[in-house]
Structure formats: C-alpha cells, structure tokens
C-alpha cells in the first residue's frame, strides 16, 4: 500500500487520535501508513504517541519533533508543536533527520508538498538552543538559579539543587570538585543531581544576564525541570 491510500483525516493537534483498530475496518497493512501526520496511532489513554516518518516506529511525542509546511512551501520545525496545519513527526536526532531527507520522507508525509534540504538540520539546532537558553532565563527570573563557585557549593549543601551546570570551557579541576560534591549529596539523598556542561560561558552570560558565569546551580522547581528537559532534547539532537 502507498501513502496515497492512507486515511486522510487528521485530528487537531492535541486531540485524541482517530480509531484505527481492526474494529474500525483497518488492516495491519493500513496501520503501517497511519500516523505519518498528526492523526497518529491510537494510544488507549496512554501518553500521546506519533509515528516517526523516517524510522516508521511509534514513539512518545516528547522524543519527537513536529514539522509543518510554511506558507512559502518550505518544511520548518515546530519545536513547541503549536503551529497550524498538518504536521509530520520525526525522532529528535540529527542523524534521523538526515535519513528522512535521504528517503524524501517529508514529501511522502505531506503528499508531495513541502521543500526540505540539508539546511533544515542547522535550523532545528538553532531553535532548540534558543529554546533551552530562553527557559534558563525564565528559571533565573523565577529566582531558581544561583551562580558563582561559593554560592553553588552552598546551594548544593542545602540539598535543594536539581541541576548543576558548568560553562563548556570551565577548568576541569573546578568541574571535578563540584561534580564530586553533587554526586555525594545526591547519593546521600537517594537521587541524582543532573549535570550539564555543553553551553559556553558567553551563552550562559547572556541567558542569565551576568558576566563570567562559569558554574551555576538550578534549584528544584518547575522552571528548572523545564530547562533540563529542553537541554536533554538539545543534547540528544547534537549527539551523533
């Protein structure tokens, strides 16, 4: 079966997927082509899932990125999954996007519409990075970020730190000492303190509105959790 014979109905973004089980008249072959766009596959009340257009595997939406066709006909990333129109989903890895481009998976998903080229990978990376830094700024405005070696140590010892962060160019000695302290405190509390060291100091300075940020700690708070989730997605995208 080709994609031209797949069901054309799509649910609004965020709506429950249409019933595509055997009782609705679909065969196993039909199931293979359902979910190229927002209609997705049935999740029986579980966390929302979508079909990756490159790997053709069903994954939770938090592991995926949504893409739509812009008015000018180009395929663009919709990292917040809010843009109007028919959306196609892709596992959030650079290598998977490369495979999708090689297989012309976007053309198949959008029924021949939409132009996508190698530059799309850089655009995704830029948007994910911007999103992560913006969420770090939000955590700072909420009063959940401390900076400076002494204040970071004090925050760690208080047991309130959820994320320990170092500038990518930070000295290994300082990083090692703080990481060791975070491990000891985390083990004593029966939890793991997340550690991030992939952002350069210049970006941390800009996001936090301070100069010469080398070490920082994010306290346990929803804004910190939001930043960590975005950083994990960014680092996953960058990973080979």
Protein backbone atom coordinates (compact mmCIF):
# COMPACT_ATOMS: atom_id res chain seq x y z
CA UNK A 1 0.00 0.00 0.00
CA UNK A 2 1.29 3.52 -0.77
CA UNK A 3 0.69 6.62 1.30
CA UNK A 4 -1.92 7.80 -1.21
CA UNK A 5 -4.27 5.15 0.15
CA UNK A 6 -3.72 6.07 3.78
CA UNK A 7 -6.64 7.68 5.66
CA UNK A 8 -6.71 11.43 5.03
CA UNK A 9 -8.45 12.59 8.21
CA UNK A 10 -6.25 14.22 10.80
CA UNK A 11 -7.22 15.18 14.32
CA UNK A 12 -6.49 18.72 15.52
CA UNK A 13 -3.17 18.94 17.28
CA UNK A 14 -3.56 17.77 20.85
CA UNK A 15 -6.81 15.93 20.12
CA UNK A 16 -7.19 12.21 20.65
CA UNK A 17 -6.21 10.21 17.55
CA UNK A 18 -8.92 8.68 15.45
CA UNK A 19 -9.75 4.99 16.00
CA UNK A 20 -7.65 2.92 13.63
CA UNK A 21 -8.04 -0.54 15.13
CA UNK A 22 -9.48 -3.62 13.43
CA UNK A 23 -12.94 -2.76 14.69
CA UNK A 24 -12.75 0.42 12.61
CA UNK A 25 -12.10 -1.59 9.44
CA UNK A 26 -8.32 -1.14 9.23
CA UNK A 27 -5.93 -3.96 8.43
CA UNK A 28 -2.35 -4.38 9.61
CA UNK A 29 -1.19 -3.00 6.26
CA UNK A 30 -3.32 0.09 6.77
CA UNK A 31 -1.80 0.60 10.21
CA UNK A 32 1.65 0.93 8.63
CA UNK A 33 0.64 4.12 6.81
CA UNK A 34 -1.45 5.73 9.52
CA UNK A 35 0.34 8.35 11.60
CA UNK A 36 2.55 9.99 9.00
CA UNK A 37 1.00 13.23 10.18
CA UNK A 38 -0.85 14.46 13.25
CA UNK A 39 -3.55 11.78 13.31
CA UNK A 40 -1.05 9.41 14.87
CA UNK A 41 -1.83 5.96 16.20
CA UNK A 42 -4.28 5.04 18.98
CA UNK A 43 -2.75 5.28 22.42
CA UNK A 44 -5.55 3.80 24.51
CA UNK A 45 -5.34 6.61 27.05
CA UNK A 46 -1.57 6.40 27.42
CA UNK A 47 0.87 9.23 26.78
CA UNK A 48 0.45 10.67 23.24
CA UNK A 49 2.47 8.89 20.57
CA UNK A 50 3.23 9.59 16.92
CA UNK A 51 4.90 7.73 14.09
CA UNK A 52 8.42 8.86 13.15
CA UNK A 53 8.33 9.43 9.39
CA UNK A 54 11.93 8.20 8.99
CA UNK A 55 12.10 5.10 11.16
CA UNK A 56 8.37 4.29 10.93
CA UNK A 57 8.39 3.48 14.65
CA UNK A 58 5.83 4.78 17.15
CA UNK A 59 7.37 6.91 19.88
CA UNK A 60 6.17 9.23 22.68
CA UNK A 61 5.77 12.80 21.46
CA UNK A 62 8.46 14.01 23.88
CA UNK A 63 11.01 12.01 21.83
CA UNK A 64 9.91 13.64 18.58
CA UNK A 65 9.90 16.95 16.75
CA UNK A 66 6.97 18.23 14.72
CA UNK A 67 7.41 19.77 11.26
CA UNK A 68 4.94 21.70 9.14
CA UNK A 69 4.91 23.25 5.67
CA UNK A 70 5.30 27.04 5.81
CA UNK A 71 3.29 29.35 3.53
CA UNK A 72 6.31 29.66 1.23
CA UNK A 73 6.35 25.88 0.75
CA UNK A 74 9.38 25.04 2.89
CA UNK A 75 9.33 22.46 5.67
CA UNK A 76 10.02 24.12 9.03
CA UNK A 77 10.42 22.74 12.57
CA UNK A 78 7.62 23.39 15.05
CA UNK A 79 9.52 22.77 18.28
CA UNK A 80 6.60 23.76 20.51
CA UNK A 81 4.09 21.75 18.42
CA UNK A 82 1.75 24.70 18.13
CA UNK A 83 1.88 25.83 14.51
CA UNK A 84 -1.30 25.38 12.47
CA UNK A 85 -1.57 22.93 9.63
CA UNK A 86 -0.76 19.32 9.02
CA UNK A 87 2.28 18.19 10.99
CA UNK A 88 4.78 15.39 10.44
CA UNK A 89 6.79 13.93 13.32
CA UNK A 90 10.44 12.89 13.44
CA UNK A 91 12.63 11.39 16.15
CA UNK A 92 14.61 14.30 17.61
CA UNK A 93 18.06 13.25 16.35
CA UNK A 94 20.16 14.92 13.68
CA UNK A 95 21.01 11.58 12.08
CA UNK A 96 17.31 10.69 11.80
CA UNK A 97 16.60 13.96 10.00
CA UNK A 98 19.42 13.18 7.57
CA UNK A 99 17.81 9.81 6.90
CA UNK A 100 14.41 11.44 6.41
CA UNK A 101 15.86 13.81 3.84
CA UNK A 102 17.62 10.95 2.07
CA UNK A 103 14.39 8.96 1.85
CA UNK A 104 12.28 12.03 0.94
CA UNK A 105 10.10 11.20 3.91
CA UNK A 106 8.74 14.74 4.20
CA UNK A 107 7.48 14.64 0.63
CA UNK A 108 5.71 11.38 1.38
CA UNK A 109 4.21 12.66 4.61
CA UNK A 110 2.98 15.91 3.06
CA UNK A 111 1.70 14.27 -0.13
CA UNK A 112 4.35 15.80 -2.36
CA UNK A 113 4.22 19.25 -0.79
CA UNK A 114 7.00 20.94 1.14
CA UNK A 115 10.66 21.52 0.31
CA UNK A 116 13.31 20.30 2.74
CA UNK A 117 17.09 20.46 2.40
CA UNK A 118 20.24 19.93 4.49
CA UNK A 119 19.93 23.44 5.96
CA UNK A 120 16.95 22.19 7.98
CA UNK A 121 19.29 20.44 10.40
CA UNK A 122 21.08 23.66 11.36
CA UNK A 123 17.77 25.46 11.76
CA UNK A 124 16.49 22.80 14.16
CA UNK A 125 19.69 23.03 16.23
CA UNK A 126 19.48 26.82 16.40
CA UNK A 127 15.85 26.76 17.51
CA UNK A 128 16.41 24.09 20.14
CA UNK A 129 19.38 26.00 21.53
CA UNK A 130 17.42 29.25 21.63
CA UNK A 131 14.54 27.49 23.39
CA UNK A 132 16.84 25.99 26.03
CA UNK A 133 18.52 29.31 26.75
CA UNK A 134 15.18 31.09 26.97
CA UNK A 135 13.98 28.54 29.53
CA UNK A 136 17.18 29.10 31.53
CA UNK A 137 16.38 32.82 31.57
CA UNK A 138 12.89 32.03 32.85
CA UNK A 139 14.34 29.95 35.69
CA UNK A 140 16.62 32.87 36.56
CA UNK A 141 13.70 35.31 36.64
CA UNK A 142 11.87 32.90 38.93
CA UNK A 143 14.79 33.09 41.35
CA UNK A 144 15.80 29.46 40.88
CA UNK A 145 19.39 29.95 39.62
CA UNK A 146 22.50 30.70 41.67
CA UNK A 147 25.91 31.44 40.18
CA UNK A 148 29.46 31.57 41.45
CA UNK A 149 31.52 28.79 42.97
CA UNK A 150 30.84 29.61 46.64
CA UNK A 151 27.10 30.07 46.17
CA UNK A 152 26.84 26.89 44.13
CA UNK A 153 28.58 24.93 46.90
CA UNK A 154 26.23 26.45 49.48
CA UNK A 155 23.20 25.57 47.34
CA UNK A 156 24.42 22.00 46.89
CA UNK A 157 24.93 21.58 50.61
CA UNK A 158 21.38 22.83 51.23
CA UNK A 159 20.04 19.81 49.31
CA UNK A 160 17.88 21.99 47.06
CA UNK A 161 19.84 21.73 43.80
CA UNK A 162 18.29 19.83 40.88
CA UNK A 163 20.76 20.78 38.13
CA UNK A 164 24.46 21.61 38.31
CA UNK A 165 25.79 23.49 35.31
CA UNK A 166 29.28 24.37 34.09
CA UNK A 167 30.40 26.50 31.16
CA UNK A 168 31.85 24.27 28.47
CA UNK A 169 35.26 25.92 28.86
CA UNK A 170 35.31 25.65 32.68
CA UNK A 171 38.52 24.34 34.20
CA UNK A 172 38.40 20.55 34.69
CA UNK A 173 39.62 20.84 38.28
CA UNK A 174 36.74 23.08 39.35
CA UNK A 175 34.23 20.99 37.43
CA UNK A 176 35.51 17.78 39.00
CA UNK A 177 35.26 19.11 42.57
CA UNK A 178 31.70 20.36 42.15
CA UNK A 179 30.61 17.19 40.33
CA UNK A 180 32.05 15.05 43.13
CA UNK A 181 30.18 17.09 45.73
CA UNK A 182 26.96 16.79 43.71
CA UNK A 183 27.39 13.01 43.49
CA UNK A 184 27.96 12.66 47.25
CA UNK A 185 24.97 14.80 48.12
CA UNK A 186 22.78 13.07 45.56
CA UNK A 187 23.74 9.62 46.85
CA UNK A 188 23.05 10.69 50.43
CA UNK A 189 19.59 11.91 49.39
CA UNK A 190 18.88 8.89 47.18
CA UNK A 191 18.64 10.94 43.99
CA UNK A 192 20.75 12.15 41.09
CA UNK A 193 21.64 15.79 40.54
CA UNK A 194 21.66 16.41 36.78
CA UNK A 195 24.84 17.90 35.36
CA UNK A 196 25.18 19.99 32.20
CA UNK A 197 28.41 21.22 30.67
CA UNK A 198 27.69 21.78 27.00
CA UNK A 199 26.86 25.51 26.94
CA UNK A 200 29.67 28.05 26.53
CA UNK A 201 30.08 30.78 29.11
CA UNK A 202 29.08 33.51 26.66
CA UNK A 203 25.67 31.90 26.24
CA UNK A 204 25.26 31.46 29.98
CA UNK A 205 26.18 35.12 30.49
CA UNK A 206 23.53 36.22 28.02
CA UNK A 207 20.80 33.94 29.33
CA UNK A 208 21.43 34.82 32.98
CA UNK A 209 22.22 38.49 32.50
CA UNK A 210 25.55 38.19 34.27
CA UNK A 211 29.20 38.32 33.25
CA UNK A 212 31.71 35.50 33.50
CA UNK A 213 29.34 32.71 34.53
CA UNK A 214 31.40 29.54 34.97
CA UNK A 215 29.34 27.49 37.41
CA UNK A 216 25.64 27.66 38.20
CA UNK A 217 23.03 25.64 40.04
CA UNK A 218 19.31 25.39 39.40
CA UNK A 219 17.11 24.71 42.41
CA UNK A 220 14.32 22.15 42.33
CA UNK A 221 11.41 23.96 40.65
CA UNK A 222 9.16 23.52 37.59
CA UNK A 223 11.17 26.13 35.66
CA UNK A 224 14.37 24.18 36.31
CA UNK A 225 12.69 20.97 35.19
CA UNK A 226 11.59 22.74 32.00
CA UNK A 227 15.14 23.86 31.29
CA UNK A 228 16.54 20.38 31.93
CA UNK A 229 14.01 18.80 29.55
CA UNK A 230 14.95 21.28 26.82
CA UNK A 231 18.66 20.73 27.36
CA UNK A 232 18.23 16.97 27.12
CA UNK A 233 16.44 17.42 23.82
CA UNK A 234 19.17 19.77 22.54
CA UNK A 235 21.97 17.43 23.60
CA UNK A 236 20.13 14.50 22.08
CA UNK A 237 19.86 16.40 18.82
CA UNK A 238 23.56 17.18 18.82
CA UNK A 239 24.61 13.62 19.64
CA UNK A 240 25.94 11.57 16.74
